Amino acid sequence: MARPYLGGSSAGVKSLTASATLGSSDSGKVICFTPPSSAGALNITLPACKKGYELKIIQIADYDTAACKITSAEGNNFVGHLQAQTGAGDNAGPNVDYIEFGSGSVAGDYVSMVSDGSKWYIVDSCMKVTTNGLAFRSS
């Protein structure tokens, strides 16, 4: 059975190998991305916040040569904490513009989030923390 989301049902998994803007139909999905092997970041733009929207974004291969950036359609509206398997985690501050999977990220690193209609709440995450791992960033 497909996982429900606001407005219909979900196909479950979406794979990305290039930058993309997610839509409301992606709510409830697991988004799997492959880090780019050429210059320039892979950018994932979240849909506009709507109460109950949720996403899990997973890196499916070790870091290659460019970072992955997750941004919000509304700007800096991330709240929460990136938990660390090893080392320290990272807290979202008031001016966080994006979440970055950097050069220290590995296959299996992920971030889950849910929206209350105005913010994206990071509800859990898992990563191997090294320099340039998974982190909140400002432009």
Protein backbone atom coordinates (compact mmCIF):
# COMPACT_ATOMS: atom_id res chain seq x y z
CA MET A 1 0.00 0.00 0.00
CA ALA A 2 1.27 3.44 -0.91
CA ARG A 3 2.09 5.84 1.88
CA PRO A 4 -0.53 8.63 2.10
CA TYR A 5 0.24 12.30 1.73
CA LEU A 6 -1.90 15.40 1.54
CA GLY A 7 -3.80 15.24 -1.72
CA GLY A 8 -3.29 11.61 -2.76
CA SER A 9 -0.93 8.68 -2.42
CA SER A 10 2.82 8.39 -2.84
CA ALA A 11 4.91 6.19 -5.08
CA GLY A 12 7.39 5.97 -2.19
CA VAL A 13 10.87 6.63 -3.57
CA LYS A 14 12.27 9.29 -5.91
CA SER A 15 15.84 9.15 -7.24
CA LEU A 16 17.83 12.26 -8.13
CA THR A 17 21.09 12.56 -10.06
CA ALA A 18 20.69 16.27 -10.88
CA SER A 19 19.32 19.37 -9.18
CA ALA A 20 15.55 19.38 -8.67
CA THR A 21 12.69 21.30 -7.13
CA LEU A 22 10.38 19.02 -5.18
CA GLY A 23 6.62 19.45 -5.35
CA SER A 24 3.71 18.81 -3.04
CA SER A 25 3.31 15.33 -4.57
CA ASP A 26 6.74 14.41 -3.13
CA SER A 27 5.50 14.68 0.46
CA GLY A 28 5.95 11.37 2.27
CA LYS A 29 8.58 10.15 -0.17
CA VAL A 30 12.12 9.01 0.42
CA ILE A 31 14.34 11.11 -1.86
CA CYS A 32 17.57 9.28 -2.79
CA PHE A 33 20.35 11.32 -4.38
CA THR A 34 23.71 10.50 -5.87
CA PRO A 35 26.39 13.14 -5.17
CA PRO A 36 27.56 14.84 -8.39
CA SER A 37 30.84 13.77 -9.95
CA SER A 38 31.52 17.14 -11.56
CA ALA A 39 31.88 20.72 -10.39
CA GLY A 40 28.80 22.44 -9.01
CA ALA A 41 26.46 21.40 -6.27
CA LEU A 42 23.37 19.24 -6.60
CA ASN A 43 20.60 21.49 -5.30
CA ILE A 44 17.34 20.14 -3.88
CA THR A 45 14.68 22.80 -3.30
CA LEU A 46 11.91 21.80 -0.91
CA PRO A 47 8.29 22.55 -1.76
CA ALA A 48 6.48 25.42 -0.04
CA CYS A 49 5.74 24.52 3.57
CA LYS A 50 2.37 22.93 4.22
CA LYS A 51 1.24 21.42 7.48
CA GLY A 52 1.99 17.69 7.56
CA TYR A 53 4.43 17.56 4.65
CA GLU A 54 7.33 15.24 5.38
CA LEU A 55 10.44 14.08 3.53
CA LYS A 56 13.46 11.87 4.09
CA ILE A 57 16.51 12.69 1.94
CA ILE A 58 19.24 10.03 1.70
CA GLN A 59 22.69 10.15 0.12
CA ILE A 60 23.12 6.81 -1.70
CA ALA A 61 26.83 6.97 -2.58
CA ASP A 62 29.93 8.36 -0.89
CA TYR A 63 30.79 12.00 -1.60
CA ASP A 64 32.28 12.45 -5.05
CA THR A 65 33.40 15.96 -6.01
CA ALA A 66 30.54 18.36 -5.22
CA ALA A 67 28.22 18.99 -2.31
CA CYS A 68 24.45 18.56 -2.14
CA LYS A 69 22.46 21.53 -0.84
CA ILE A 70 18.90 21.37 0.46
CA THR A 71 17.10 24.72 0.41
CA SER A 72 13.59 25.79 1.30
CA ALA A 73 11.25 27.58 -1.12
CA GLU A 74 10.59 30.20 1.58
CA GLY A 75 14.19 30.79 2.63
CA ASN A 76 15.73 30.24 6.06
CA ASN A 77 13.02 28.31 7.91
CA PHE A 78 14.87 25.23 9.20
CA VAL A 79 14.48 24.31 12.87
CA GLY A 80 16.12 21.49 14.80
CA HIS A 81 19.33 19.61 15.26
CA LEU A 82 21.39 17.32 13.05
CA GLN A 83 22.30 14.36 15.24
CA ALA A 84 25.77 12.86 15.03
CA GLN A 85 26.74 9.21 15.06
CA THR A 86 30.28 10.29 15.93
CA GLY A 87 31.50 13.74 16.94
CA ALA A 88 29.22 16.72 17.51
CA GLY A 89 25.93 17.49 15.80
CA ASP A 90 24.80 20.86 14.46
CA ASN A 91 21.94 23.17 15.53
CA ALA A 92 19.87 25.28 13.14
CA GLY A 93 20.32 28.97 13.86
CA PRO A 94 18.04 31.85 12.88
CA ASN A 95 19.88 32.56 9.62
CA VAL A 96 20.37 29.05 8.23
CA ASP A 97 19.89 29.13 4.44
CA TYR A 98 20.45 25.47 3.58
CA ILE A 99 21.47 22.00 4.74
CA GLU A 100 24.64 20.69 3.13
CA PHE A 101 25.94 17.17 2.55
CA GLY A 102 29.65 18.09 2.21
CA SER A 103 32.89 16.30 1.37
CA GLY A 104 32.83 14.32 4.62
CA SER A 105 29.43 12.78 3.89
CA VAL A 106 29.06 9.09 3.08
CA ALA A 107 26.47 6.73 1.63
CA GLY A 108 23.58 6.32 4.05
CA ASP A 109 23.75 9.82 5.52
CA TYR A 110 20.23 11.23 5.68
CA VAL A 111 17.97 13.92 7.03
CA SER A 112 14.24 13.64 7.80
CA MET A 113 11.98 16.65 8.10
CA VAL A 114 8.35 17.58 8.65
CA SER A 115 6.56 20.91 8.17
CA ASP A 116 4.05 22.64 10.43
CA GLY A 117 3.01 24.97 7.61
CA SER A 118 5.64 27.64 8.23
CA LYS A 119 8.90 25.83 9.10
CA TRP A 120 10.78 22.62 8.25
CA TYR A 121 11.55 20.72 11.46
CA ILE A 122 14.49 18.33 11.36
CA VAL A 123 13.09 15.34 13.22
CA ASP A 124 16.04 12.97 12.93
CA SER A 125 19.24 12.44 11.04
CA CYS A 126 22.21 10.16 11.00
CA MET A 127 25.70 10.74 9.74
CA LYS A 128 29.35 10.12 10.24
CA VAL A 129 30.61 13.51 11.34
CA THR A 130 33.88 14.63 9.82
CA THR A 131 35.04 17.96 8.44
CA ASN A 132 32.51 19.12 5.85
CA GLY A 133 29.91 16.47 6.76
CA LEU A 134 26.18 17.09 7.08
CA ALA A 135 25.61 20.63 8.42
CA PHE A 136 23.39 23.70 8.49
CA ARG A 137 24.92 26.54 6.46
CA SER A 138 24.40 30.24 5.77
CA SER A 139 25.14 31.86 2.42
